Amino acid sequence: MIGYGENKGIVPMAAEEIFRRIAANDDKDKEFQVTVMQCEIYNEKVQDLMLTVDKRPTAGLKVRESPTLGVFVDGITKHAVTNYEQIAAKMATGESHRSKGATLMNSESSRAHTVI
């Protein structure tokens, strides 16, 4: 999803395309706001990866659905960004907060699913 080096994943490619399209817009009456959020699903709990473990609710966050918003994570922090580099910095923060544990094959294996 993220990719490494020259092998960009879907997240960086999509983000770069979003900012290319914003830059190409010539309608001065349009305003764009891009935010980034990152959460993990671990042991059936949704956790905000922008928060350190000690700041997260122990019960996790609730996934809700709204007729106007669609599906969303209630209480997740949102961060305004203006380019992919800022998104990458937020993803690095989230990566450092992921749940990890050693396995026989990998000393820093994650058993969580991450959503950006």
N, C-alpha and C. Protein backbone atom coordinates (compact mmCIF):
# COMPACT_ATOMS: atom_id res chain seq x y z
N MET A 1 0.82 -1.20 0.00
CA MET A 1 0.00 0.00 0.00
C MET A 1 0.86 1.26 0.00
N ILE A 2 1.98 1.23 0.72
CA ILE A 2 2.84 2.40 0.81
C ILE A 2 3.95 2.33 -0.24
N GLY A 3 4.58 1.17 -0.34
CA GLY A 3 5.70 1.01 -1.26
C GLY A 3 6.98 1.57 -0.66
N TYR A 4 8.08 1.29 -1.34
CA TYR A 4 9.38 1.75 -0.86
C TYR A 4 10.22 2.21 -2.04
N GLY A 5 10.94 3.32 -1.87
CA GLY A 5 11.82 3.82 -2.92
C GLY A 5 11.07 4.11 -4.21
N GLU A 6 11.56 3.54 -5.29
CA GLU A 6 10.95 3.74 -6.60
C GLU A 6 9.63 2.98 -6.76
N ASN A 7 9.41 1.99 -5.92
CA ASN A 7 8.17 1.20 -6.00
C ASN A 7 7.09 1.84 -5.13
N LYS A 8 6.54 2.92 -5.61
CA LYS A 8 5.51 3.63 -4.85
C LYS A 8 4.25 2.79 -4.78
N GLY A 9 3.61 2.86 -3.63
CA GLY A 9 2.35 2.16 -3.44
C GLY A 9 1.17 3.03 -3.81
N ILE A 10 -0.01 2.49 -3.59
CA ILE A 10 -1.25 3.18 -3.96
C ILE A 10 -1.46 4.46 -3.14
N VAL A 11 -1.07 4.46 -1.88
CA VAL A 11 -1.28 5.65 -1.04
C VAL A 11 -0.48 6.84 -1.56
N PRO A 12 0.85 6.72 -1.76
CA PRO A 12 1.57 7.88 -2.29
C PRO A 12 1.13 8.28 -3.70
N MET A 13 0.83 7.30 -4.55
CA MET A 13 0.40 7.65 -5.90
C MET A 13 -0.94 8.39 -5.88
N ALA A 14 -1.88 7.92 -5.06
CA ALA A 14 -3.19 8.58 -4.98
C ALA A 14 -3.05 9.98 -4.39
N ALA A 15 -2.25 10.12 -3.34
CA ALA A 15 -2.07 11.43 -2.70
C ALA A 15 -1.43 12.41 -3.67
N GLU A 16 -0.39 11.98 -4.37
CA GLU A 16 0.25 12.86 -5.32
C GLU A 16 -0.71 13.29 -6.43
N GLU A 17 -1.56 12.38 -6.86
CA GLU A 17 -2.56 12.71 -7.89
C GLU A 17 -3.57 13.73 -7.36
N ILE A 18 -4.00 13.56 -6.12
CA ILE A 18 -4.93 14.53 -5.51
C ILE A 18 -4.32 15.92 -5.54
N PHE A 19 -3.06 16.05 -5.11
CA PHE A 19 -2.43 17.37 -5.07
C PHE A 19 -2.13 17.91 -6.47
N ARG A 20 -1.87 17.03 -7.45
CA ARG A 20 -1.71 17.47 -8.85
C ARG A 20 -3.01 18.08 -9.36
N ARG A 21 -4.11 17.43 -9.06
CA ARG A 21 -5.41 17.93 -9.53
C ARG A 21 -5.79 19.24 -8.84
N ILE A 22 -5.46 19.35 -7.57
CA ILE A 22 -5.72 20.61 -6.86
C ILE A 22 -4.91 21.73 -7.50
N ALA A 23 -3.63 21.47 -7.77
CA ALA A 23 -2.76 22.49 -8.38
C ALA A 23 -3.23 22.87 -9.78
N ALA A 24 -3.81 21.92 -10.51
CA ALA A 24 -4.26 22.19 -11.87
C ALA A 24 -5.60 22.91 -11.92
N ASN A 25 -6.29 22.99 -10.81
CA ASN A 25 -7.60 23.64 -10.79
C ASN A 25 -7.44 25.14 -11.06
N ASP A 26 -8.23 25.67 -11.96
CA ASP A 26 -8.16 27.11 -12.24
C ASP A 26 -9.44 27.85 -11.83
N ASP A 27 -10.31 27.17 -11.14
CA ASP A 27 -11.54 27.80 -10.64
C ASP A 27 -11.24 28.40 -9.27
N LYS A 28 -11.11 29.70 -9.22
CA LYS A 28 -10.74 30.40 -7.98
C LYS A 28 -11.85 30.35 -6.92
N ASP A 29 -13.05 29.94 -7.32
CA ASP A 29 -14.15 29.84 -6.36
C ASP A 29 -14.14 28.50 -5.62
N LYS A 30 -13.27 27.59 -6.03
CA LYS A 30 -13.19 26.29 -5.36
C LYS A 30 -12.10 26.31 -4.30
N GLU A 31 -12.43 25.69 -3.18
CA GLU A 31 -11.46 25.57 -2.08
C GLU A 31 -11.32 24.08 -1.77
N PHE A 32 -10.12 23.64 -1.52
CA PHE A 32 -9.86 22.24 -1.23
C PHE A 32 -9.27 22.10 0.16
N GLN A 33 -9.72 21.08 0.86
CA GLN A 33 -9.16 20.74 2.17
C GLN A 33 -8.82 19.26 2.15
N VAL A 34 -7.57 18.94 2.45
CA VAL A 34 -7.13 17.56 2.49
C VAL A 34 -6.71 17.25 3.92
N THR A 35 -7.26 16.17 4.46
CA THR A 35 -6.89 15.76 5.81
C THR A 35 -6.42 14.30 5.77
N VAL A 36 -5.61 13.96 6.74
CA VAL A 36 -5.12 12.59 6.84
C VAL A 36 -5.46 12.06 8.24
N MET A 37 -5.85 10.79 8.26
CA MET A 37 -6.13 10.08 9.50
C MET A 37 -5.51 8.70 9.35
N GLN A 38 -5.12 8.09 10.45
CA GLN A 38 -4.57 6.74 10.37
C GLN A 38 -5.00 5.97 11.61
N CYS A 39 -5.57 4.81 11.38
CA CYS A 39 -5.99 3.98 12.50
C CYS A 39 -5.59 2.54 12.24
N GLU A 40 -5.61 1.76 13.30
CA GLU A 40 -5.36 0.33 13.17
C GLU A 40 -6.51 -0.43 13.80
N ILE A 41 -6.71 -1.62 13.29
CA ILE A 41 -7.68 -2.55 13.87
C ILE A 41 -6.86 -3.69 14.45
N TYR A 42 -6.89 -3.81 15.76
CA TYR A 42 -6.09 -4.81 16.46
C TYR A 42 -6.92 -5.38 17.60
N ASN A 43 -7.00 -6.69 17.67
CA ASN A 43 -7.81 -7.35 18.70
C ASN A 43 -9.23 -6.80 18.73
N GLU A 44 -9.81 -6.60 17.54
CA GLU A 44 -11.18 -6.13 17.36
C GLU A 44 -11.43 -4.73 17.92
N LYS A 45 -10.37 -3.94 18.11
CA LYS A 45 -10.50 -2.56 18.54
C LYS A 45 -9.89 -1.65 17.49
N VAL A 46 -10.53 -0.51 17.26
CA VAL A 46 -10.02 0.50 16.35
C VAL A 46 -9.29 1.55 17.19
N GLN A 47 -8.02 1.79 16.84
CA GLN A 47 -7.21 2.74 17.60
C GLN A 47 -6.66 3.83 16.66
N ASP A 48 -6.59 5.05 17.17
CA ASP A 48 -6.05 6.19 16.44
C ASP A 48 -4.52 6.14 16.51
N LEU A 49 -3.86 5.96 15.38
CA LEU A 49 -2.41 5.85 15.38
C LEU A 49 -1.69 7.19 15.48
N MET A 50 -2.43 8.28 15.46
CA MET A 50 -1.79 9.58 15.67
C MET A 50 -1.60 9.85 17.17
N LEU A 51 -2.18 9.00 17.99
CA LEU A 51 -2.05 9.14 19.45
C LEU A 51 -1.15 8.05 19.99
N THR A 52 -0.35 8.39 20.98
CA THR A 52 0.46 7.39 21.64
C THR A 52 -0.47 6.45 22.42
N VAL A 53 0.02 5.26 22.72
CA VAL A 53 -0.80 4.24 23.38
C VAL A 53 -1.42 4.77 24.67
N ASP A 54 -0.68 5.53 25.45
CA ASP A 54 -1.20 6.03 26.73
C ASP A 54 -2.30 7.07 26.58
N LYS A 55 -2.48 7.64 25.39
CA LYS A 55 -3.52 8.66 25.16
C LYS A 55 -4.77 8.09 24.48
N ARG A 56 -4.74 6.82 24.11
CA ARG A 56 -5.86 6.20 23.41
C ARG A 56 -6.93 5.71 24.37
N PRO A 57 -8.20 5.75 23.96
CA PRO A 57 -9.25 5.16 24.81
C PRO A 57 -9.06 3.65 24.88
N THR A 58 -9.13 3.08 26.06
CA THR A 58 -8.87 1.64 26.23
C THR A 58 -9.89 0.79 25.48
N ALA A 59 -11.10 1.28 25.32
CA ALA A 59 -12.14 0.52 24.61
C ALA A 59 -12.03 0.68 23.09
N GLY A 60 -11.14 1.54 22.64
CA GLY A 60 -11.02 1.80 21.21
C GLY A 60 -12.03 2.82 20.73
N LEU A 61 -12.02 3.07 19.44
CA LEU A 61 -12.95 4.02 18.82
C LEU A 61 -14.09 3.26 18.14
N LYS A 62 -15.21 3.91 18.00
CA LYS A 62 -16.38 3.30 17.37
C LYS A 62 -16.42 3.65 15.87
N VAL A 63 -16.77 2.67 15.07
CA VAL A 63 -17.02 2.90 13.65
C VAL A 63 -18.53 3.13 13.51
N ARG A 64 -18.88 4.24 12.89
CA ARG A 64 -20.29 4.62 12.77
C ARG A 64 -20.64 4.87 11.31
N GLU A 65 -21.93 5.00 11.06
CA GLU A 65 -22.40 5.33 9.71
C GLU A 65 -23.43 6.44 9.82
N SER A 66 -23.32 7.39 8.91
CA SER A 66 -24.21 8.54 8.88
C SER A 66 -24.72 8.73 7.46
N PRO A 67 -25.98 9.15 7.30
CA PRO A 67 -26.50 9.40 5.95
C PRO A 67 -25.72 10.51 5.23
N THR A 68 -25.17 11.46 5.97
CA THR A 68 -24.44 12.57 5.34
C THR A 68 -22.94 12.32 5.25
N LEU A 69 -22.36 11.67 6.25
CA LEU A 69 -20.91 11.45 6.28
C LEU A 69 -20.48 10.11 5.71
N GLY A 70 -21.39 9.16 5.65
CA GLY A 70 -21.02 7.80 5.28
C GLY A 70 -20.42 7.09 6.48
N VAL A 71 -19.54 6.13 6.24
CA VAL A 71 -18.89 5.38 7.31
C VAL A 71 -17.71 6.19 7.82
N PHE A 72 -17.58 6.31 9.15
CA PHE A 72 -16.48 7.08 9.73
C PHE A 72 -16.10 6.51 11.09
N VAL A 73 -14.90 6.87 11.54
CA VAL A 73 -14.41 6.47 12.86
C VAL A 73 -14.66 7.65 13.80
N ASP A 74 -15.54 7.45 14.75
CA ASP A 74 -15.93 8.50 15.67
C ASP A 74 -14.78 8.82 16.64
N GLY A 75 -14.34 10.07 16.65
CA GLY A 75 -13.31 10.50 17.59
C GLY A 75 -11.89 10.44 17.07
N ILE A 76 -11.69 10.01 15.83
CA ILE A 76 -10.32 9.94 15.30
C ILE A 76 -9.81 11.35 15.02
N THR A 77 -8.52 11.56 15.22
CA THR A 77 -7.94 12.88 14.96
C THR A 77 -7.69 13.04 13.46
N LYS A 78 -7.94 14.25 12.98
CA LYS A 78 -7.74 14.58 11.57
C LYS A 78 -6.68 15.67 11.49
N HIS A 79 -5.80 15.54 10.50
CA HIS A 79 -4.70 16.49 10.35
C HIS A 79 -4.71 17.07 8.95
N ALA A 80 -4.78 18.40 8.87
CA ALA A 80 -4.76 19.08 7.57
C ALA A 80 -3.37 18.96 6.96
N VAL A 81 -3.32 18.68 5.66
CA VAL A 81 -2.05 18.57 4.94
C VAL A 81 -2.15 19.32 3.62
N THR A 82 -0.99 19.75 3.11
CA THR A 82 -0.97 20.48 1.85
C THR A 82 -0.11 19.80 0.79
N ASN A 83 0.53 18.68 1.13
CA ASN A 83 1.34 17.95 0.15
C ASN A 83 1.57 16.52 0.66
N TYR A 84 2.10 15.68 -0.25
CA TYR A 84 2.32 14.29 0.12
C TYR A 84 3.39 14.15 1.20
N GLU A 85 4.37 15.00 1.22
CA GLU A 85 5.43 14.92 2.23
C GLU A 85 4.84 15.02 3.64
N GLN A 86 3.84 15.87 3.82
CA GLN A 86 3.18 15.98 5.13
C GLN A 86 2.41 14.70 5.45
N ILE A 87 1.79 14.11 4.45
CA ILE A 87 1.10 12.83 4.67
C ILE A 87 2.12 11.76 5.07
N ALA A 88 3.24 11.72 4.37
CA ALA A 88 4.28 10.73 4.69
C ALA A 88 4.78 10.90 6.12
N ALA A 89 4.93 12.14 6.57
CA ALA A 89 5.38 12.39 7.94
C ALA A 89 4.34 11.87 8.94
N LYS A 90 3.06 12.09 8.67
CA LYS A 90 2.01 11.59 9.55
C LYS A 90 1.98 10.07 9.55
N MET A 91 2.18 9.46 8.37
CA MET A 91 2.21 8.00 8.31
C MET A 91 3.38 7.44 9.10
N ALA A 92 4.51 8.13 9.09
CA ALA A 92 5.67 7.69 9.87
C ALA A 92 5.35 7.75 11.36
N THR A 93 4.64 8.79 11.78
CA THR A 93 4.21 8.88 13.18
C THR A 93 3.30 7.71 13.51
N GLY A 94 2.33 7.46 12.66
CA GLY A 94 1.40 6.35 12.88
C GLY A 94 2.11 5.01 12.92
N GLU A 95 3.07 4.83 12.03
CA GLU A 95 3.83 3.58 12.00
C GLU A 95 4.57 3.35 13.32
N SER A 96 5.08 4.42 13.91
CA SER A 96 5.80 4.28 15.18
C SER A 96 4.87 3.94 16.34
N HIS A 97 3.56 4.14 16.16
CA HIS A 97 2.58 3.86 17.22
C HIS A 97 1.83 2.55 17.01
N ARG A 98 2.17 1.80 15.96
CA ARG A 98 1.45 0.55 15.67
C ARG A 98 1.72 -0.51 16.72
N SER A 99 0.76 -1.41 16.85
CA SER A 99 0.92 -2.57 17.75
C SER A 99 1.83 -3.57 17.07
N LYS A 100 2.89 -3.97 17.76
CA LYS A 100 3.86 -4.92 17.20
C LYS A 100 4.21 -5.96 18.24
N GLY A 101 4.61 -7.11 17.75
CA GLY A 101 5.06 -8.17 18.64
C GLY A 101 5.95 -9.12 17.87
N ALA A 102 6.89 -9.72 18.55
CA ALA A 102 7.84 -10.61 17.90
C ALA A 102 7.18 -11.94 17.54
N THR A 103 7.57 -12.47 16.39
CA THR A 103 7.19 -13.82 15.98
C THR A 103 8.49 -14.55 15.64
N LEU A 104 8.39 -15.81 15.35
CA LEU A 104 9.59 -16.56 14.97
C LEU A 104 10.18 -16.06 13.66
N MET A 105 9.35 -15.51 12.78
CA MET A 105 9.81 -15.06 11.46
C MET A 105 10.19 -13.57 11.43
N ASN A 106 9.65 -12.78 12.34
CA ASN A 106 9.83 -11.33 12.25
C ASN A 106 9.84 -10.75 13.66
N SER A 107 10.90 -10.04 14.01
CA SER A 107 11.01 -9.49 15.37
C SER A 107 10.09 -8.31 15.61
N GLU A 108 9.58 -7.69 14.54
CA GLU A 108 8.67 -6.54 14.71
C GLU A 108 7.42 -6.74 13.87
N SER A 109 6.80 -7.88 13.99
CA SER A 109 5.61 -8.18 13.23
C SER A 109 4.41 -7.42 13.77
N SER A 110 3.54 -7.00 12.88
CA SER A 110 2.31 -6.36 13.30
C SER A 110 1.15 -7.30 13.00
N ARG A 111 0.28 -7.46 13.95
CA ARG A 111 -0.91 -8.28 13.78
C ARG A 111 -2.14 -7.39 13.57
N ALA A 112 -1.90 -6.13 13.29
CA ALA A 112 -2.98 -5.17 13.10
C ALA A 112 -3.16 -4.86 11.62
N HIS A 113 -4.33 -4.34 11.28
CA HIS A 113 -4.61 -3.84 9.95
C HIS A 113 -4.64 -2.30 10.05
N THR A 114 -3.94 -1.65 9.18
CA THR A 114 -3.86 -0.19 9.22
C THR A 114 -4.70 0.41 8.11
N VAL A 115 -5.42 1.50 8.43
CA VAL A 115 -6.24 2.21 7.46
C VAL A 115 -5.75 3.67 7.47
N ILE A 116 -5.45 4.18 6.27
CA ILE A 116 -4.99 5.57 6.14
C ILE A 116 -6.07 6.35 5.42
